[in-house]
Amino acid sequence: MSQHQDFQSFMKTRQHAAAAYVSGNAAPLARVVAHESPATFMGPGGGAVQGADEVWSRYQQDAGRFEPGSTTELEVLDMAAGETIAYWTGYQKAMAQMKGQDKPVPMKLRVTEVFRLEGDSWKLVHRHADPLAEAKPH
């Protein structure tokens, strides 16, 4: 089986982790994030976090902003995998139950994620997500 096929299977695990995350549960994400540096996160609120411990701490903190009942979907526009590096890019759409909010909050993010093969498992080493800005006519 090629690394690309392995990565396609892994993306089902990544989708499950994303769904749990937006319901306030970061535990499934812990199984797919890198726990060794380098690692980076450029979140939708701006700024950047560097270092595996710092990135994981931020993911845990941010997951705590969500309530159970949220939904999310990863819409992959492109993905590829080599022997040790893989990526996907596309959109993450969500209806998020946020703490302190009465109604679900719709979200649509542009996302690029990069993964490193560690042993026999893909690990998330970089995530860049920002709110989708609709294209303006030229």
C-alpha atoms as a PDB file:
ATOM      1  CA  MET A   1       0.000   0.000   0.000  1.00  0.00           C
ATOM      2  CA  SER A   2       1.396   3.426  -0.900  1.00  0.00           C
ATOM      3  CA  GLN A   3       1.926   6.189   1.642  1.00  0.00           C
ATOM      4  CA  HIS A   4      -0.791   8.165  -0.178  1.00  0.00           C
ATOM      5  CA  GLN A   5      -3.323   5.404   0.432  1.00  0.00           C
ATOM      6  CA  ASP A   6      -2.220   5.212   4.069  1.00  0.00           C
ATOM      7  CA  PHE A   7      -2.696   8.973   4.327  1.00  0.00           C
ATOM      8  CA  GLN A   8      -6.173   8.762   2.786  1.00  0.00           C
ATOM      9  CA  SER A   9      -7.145   6.269   5.494  1.00  0.00           C
ATOM     10  CA  PHE A  10      -5.552   8.483   8.127  1.00  0.00           C
ATOM     11  CA  MET A  11      -7.726  11.404   7.000  1.00  0.00           C
ATOM     12  CA  LYS A  12     -10.782   9.540   8.370  1.00  0.00           C
ATOM     13  CA  THR A  13      -9.071   9.552  11.764  1.00  0.00           C
ATOM     14  CA  ARG A  14      -8.301  13.259  11.293  1.00  0.00           C
ATOM     15  CA  GLN A  15     -11.988  13.969  10.548  1.00  0.00           C
ATOM     16  CA  HIS A  16     -13.015  12.114  13.727  1.00  0.00           C
ATOM     17  CA  ALA A  17     -10.523  14.161  15.763  1.00  0.00           C
ATOM     18  CA  ALA A  18     -11.867  17.408  14.254  1.00  0.00           C
ATOM     19  CA  ALA A  19     -15.460  16.428  15.109  1.00  0.00           C
ATOM     20  CA  ALA A  20     -14.555  15.623  18.716  1.00  0.00           C
ATOM     21  CA  TYR A  21     -12.524  18.844  19.009  1.00  0.00           C
ATOM     22  CA  VAL A  22     -15.420  21.122  18.049  1.00  0.00           C
ATOM     23  CA  SER A  23     -17.502  19.367  20.698  1.00  0.00           C
ATOM     24  CA  GLY A  24     -14.934  20.269  23.368  1.00  0.00           C
ATOM     25  CA  ASN A  25     -13.016  16.970  23.395  1.00  0.00           C
ATOM     26  CA  ALA A  26      -9.321  17.316  22.482  1.00  0.00           C
ATOM     27  CA  ALA A  27      -8.424  13.679  23.376  1.00  0.00           C
ATOM     28  CA  PRO A  28      -8.723  12.238  19.814  1.00  0.00           C
ATOM     29  CA  LEU A  29      -6.584  15.108  18.528  1.00  0.00           C
ATOM     30  CA  ALA A  30      -3.877  14.117  21.036  1.00  0.00           C
ATOM     31  CA  ARG A  31      -3.409  10.904  19.058  1.00  0.00           C
ATOM     32  CA  VAL A  32      -2.665  12.742  15.799  1.00  0.00           C
ATOM     33  CA  VAL A  33      -0.660  15.813  16.858  1.00  0.00           C
ATOM     34  CA  ALA A  34       3.108  15.867  17.041  1.00  0.00           C
ATOM     35  CA  HIS A  35       4.394  15.689  20.585  1.00  0.00           C
ATOM     36  CA  GLU A  36       7.946  16.379  19.432  1.00  0.00           C
ATOM     37  CA  SER A  37       9.104  19.672  17.926  1.00  0.00           C
ATOM     38  CA  PRO A  38       9.098  21.239  15.479  1.00  0.00           C
ATOM     39  CA  ALA A  39       5.382  22.028  15.412  1.00  0.00           C
ATOM     40  CA  THR A  40       3.467  25.207  14.617  1.00  0.00           C
ATOM     41  CA  PHE A  41      -0.099  26.511  14.754  1.00  0.00           C
ATOM     42  CA  MET A  42      -1.428  29.635  13.063  1.00  0.00           C
ATOM     43  CA  GLY A  43      -4.991  29.856  14.317  1.00  0.00           C
ATOM     44  CA  PRO A  44      -8.014  31.682  12.962  1.00  0.00           C
ATOM     45  CA  GLY A  45      -7.706  34.358  15.637  1.00  0.00           C
ATOM     46  CA  GLY A  46      -4.251  35.361  14.400  1.00  0.00           C
ATOM     47  CA  GLY A  47      -0.782  34.932  15.785  1.00  0.00           C
ATOM     48  CA  ALA A  48       1.368  31.822  15.812  1.00  0.00           C
ATOM     49  CA  VAL A  49       2.414  29.226  18.365  1.00  0.00           C
ATOM     50  CA  GLN A  50       5.677  27.291  18.049  1.00  0.00           C
ATOM     51  CA  GLY A  51       6.906  24.135  19.750  1.00  0.00           C
ATOM     52  CA  ALA A  52       5.034  20.856  20.241  1.00  0.00           C
ATOM     53  CA  ASP A  53       4.194  21.451  23.919  1.00  0.00           C
ATOM     54  CA  GLU A  54       3.024  25.007  23.279  1.00  0.00           C
ATOM     55  CA  VAL A  55       0.916  23.966  20.277  1.00  0.00           C
ATOM     56  CA  TRP A  56      -0.726  21.121  22.191  1.00  0.00           C
ATOM     57  CA  SER A  57      -1.458  23.443  25.127  1.00  0.00           C
ATOM     58  CA  ARG A  58      -3.133  25.899  22.739  1.00  0.00           C
ATOM     59  CA  TYR A  59      -5.214  23.135  21.134  1.00  0.00           C
ATOM     60  CA  GLN A  60      -6.397  21.986  24.566  1.00  0.00           C
ATOM     61  CA  GLN A  61      -7.245  25.558  25.606  1.00  0.00           C
ATOM     62  CA  ASP A  62      -9.122  26.269  22.374  1.00  0.00           C
ATOM     63  CA  ALA A  63     -11.106  22.997  22.518  1.00  0.00           C
ATOM     64  CA  GLY A  64     -12.426  24.169  25.880  1.00  0.00           C
ATOM     65  CA  ARG A  65     -14.305  26.982  24.125  1.00  0.00           C
ATOM     66  CA  PHE A  66     -16.628  24.504  22.401  1.00  0.00           C
ATOM     67  CA  GLU A  67     -19.685  22.687  23.774  1.00  0.00           C
ATOM     68  CA  PRO A  68     -20.971  19.217  22.864  1.00  0.00           C
ATOM     69  CA  GLY A  69     -23.324  19.164  19.898  1.00  0.00           C
ATOM     70  CA  SER A  70     -21.106  20.982  17.410  1.00  0.00           C
ATOM     71  CA  THR A  71     -20.555  19.534  13.953  1.00  0.00           C
ATOM     72  CA  THR A  72     -17.729  19.924  11.473  1.00  0.00           C
ATOM     73  CA  GLU A  73     -16.674  18.704   8.057  1.00  0.00           C
ATOM     74  CA  LEU A  74     -13.300  18.818   6.329  1.00  0.00           C
ATOM     75  CA  GLU A  75     -13.629  19.602   2.630  1.00  0.00           C
ATOM     76  CA  VAL A  76     -10.369  18.523   1.014  1.00  0.00           C
ATOM     77  CA  LEU A  77      -9.408  20.433  -2.124  1.00  0.00           C
ATOM     78  CA  ASP A  78      -5.996  18.809  -2.484  1.00  0.00           C
ATOM     79  CA  MET A  79      -3.850  16.361  -0.557  1.00  0.00           C
ATOM     80  CA  ALA A  80      -0.690  14.412  -1.143  1.00  0.00           C
ATOM     81  CA  ALA A  81       1.712  12.209   0.761  1.00  0.00           C
ATOM     82  CA  GLY A  82       5.356  11.349   0.248  1.00  0.00           C
ATOM     83  CA  GLU A  83       7.358   8.894   2.282  1.00  0.00           C
ATOM     84  CA  THR A  84       7.581  11.081   5.395  1.00  0.00           C
ATOM     85  CA  ILE A  85       5.585  14.273   4.732  1.00  0.00           C
ATOM     86  CA  ALA A  86       1.914  14.761   3.823  1.00  0.00           C
ATOM     87  CA  TYR A  87      -0.542  17.626   3.609  1.00  0.00           C
ATOM     88  CA  TRP A  88      -4.121  18.511   2.899  1.00  0.00           C
ATOM     89  CA  THR A  89      -5.618  21.878   2.076  1.00  0.00           C
ATOM     90  CA  GLY A  90      -9.219  22.969   1.822  1.00  0.00           C
ATOM     91  CA  TYR A  91     -12.026  24.131   4.080  1.00  0.00           C
ATOM     92  CA  GLN A  92     -13.311  23.260   7.506  1.00  0.00           C
ATOM     93  CA  LYS A  93     -16.993  24.021   7.917  1.00  0.00           C
ATOM     94  CA  ALA A  94     -18.634  23.906  11.336  1.00  0.00           C
ATOM     95  CA  MET A  95     -21.770  24.732  13.272  1.00  0.00           C
ATOM     96  CA  ALA A  96     -20.173  25.359  16.625  1.00  0.00           C
ATOM     97  CA  GLN A  97     -21.853  25.382  19.998  1.00  0.00           C
ATOM     98  CA  MET A  98     -19.665  27.901  21.801  1.00  0.00           C
ATOM     99  CA  LYS A  99     -19.585  28.385  25.546  1.00  0.00           C
ATOM    100  CA  GLY A 100     -21.611  31.456  26.446  1.00  0.00           C
ATOM    101  CA  GLN A 101     -23.530  31.515  23.129  1.00  0.00           C
ATOM    102  CA  ASP A 102     -27.233  30.644  22.897  1.00  0.00           C
ATOM    103  CA  LYS A 103     -27.171  29.694  19.209  1.00  0.00           C
ATOM    104  CA  PRO A 104     -24.701  27.693  17.115  1.00  0.00           C
ATOM    105  CA  VAL A 105     -22.040  29.785  15.389  1.00  0.00           C
ATOM    106  CA  PRO A 106     -21.392  28.977  11.711  1.00  0.00           C
ATOM    107  CA  MET A 107     -17.709  28.806  10.825  1.00  0.00           C
ATOM    108  CA  LYS A 108     -15.895  28.326   7.536  1.00  0.00           C
ATOM    109  CA  LEU A 109     -12.125  28.244   7.662  1.00  0.00           C
ATOM    110  CA  ARG A 110      -9.456  27.937   4.999  1.00  0.00           C
ATOM    111  CA  VAL A 111      -7.090  25.253   6.265  1.00  0.00           C
ATOM    112  CA  THR A 112      -3.672  23.866   5.412  1.00  0.00           C
ATOM    113  CA  GLU A 113      -2.272  21.049   7.539  1.00  0.00           C
ATOM    114  CA  VAL A 114       1.133  19.384   7.259  1.00  0.00           C
ATOM    115  CA  PHE A 115       1.918  15.953   8.728  1.00  0.00           C
ATOM    116  CA  ARG A 116       5.134  14.097   9.480  1.00  0.00           C
ATOM    117  CA  LEU A 117       5.375  10.312   9.533  1.00  0.00           C
ATOM    118  CA  GLU A 118       6.619   9.268  12.980  1.00  0.00           C
ATOM    119  CA  GLY A 119       7.079   5.526  13.198  1.00  0.00           C
ATOM    120  CA  ASP A 120       4.001   4.234  11.405  1.00  0.00           C
ATOM    121  CA  SER A 121       1.703   7.164  12.330  1.00  0.00           C
ATOM    122  CA  TRP A 122       1.040  10.510  10.690  1.00  0.00           C
ATOM    123  CA  LYS A 123       1.427  13.415  13.136  1.00  0.00           C
ATOM    124  CA  LEU A 124       0.120  16.954  12.657  1.00  0.00           C
ATOM    125  CA  VAL A 125       3.117  19.315  12.697  1.00  0.00           C
ATOM    126  CA  HIS A 126       1.566  22.466  11.231  1.00  0.00           C
ATOM    127  CA  ARG A 127      -1.935  23.891  11.008  1.00  0.00           C
ATOM    128  CA  HIS A 128      -2.832  27.198   9.419  1.00  0.00           C
ATOM    129  CA  ALA A 129      -6.512  28.134   9.604  1.00  0.00           C
ATOM    130  CA  ASP A 130      -8.137  31.465   8.927  1.00  0.00           C
ATOM    131  CA  PRO A 131     -11.687  32.662   8.392  1.00  0.00           C
ATOM    132  CA  LEU A 132     -12.745  32.315   4.785  1.00  0.00           C
ATOM    133  CA  ALA A 133     -12.913  35.632   2.998  1.00  0.00           C
ATOM    134  CA  GLU A 134     -15.127  35.305  -0.034  1.00  0.00           C
ATOM    135  CA  ALA A 135     -13.416  36.232  -3.284  1.00  0.00           C
ATOM    136  CA  LYS A 136     -14.227  39.673  -4.585  1.00  0.00           C
ATOM    137  CA  PRO A 137     -14.952  40.242  -8.272  1.00  0.00           C
ATOM    138  CA  HIS A 138     -12.012  41.733 -10.173  1.00  0.00           C
END
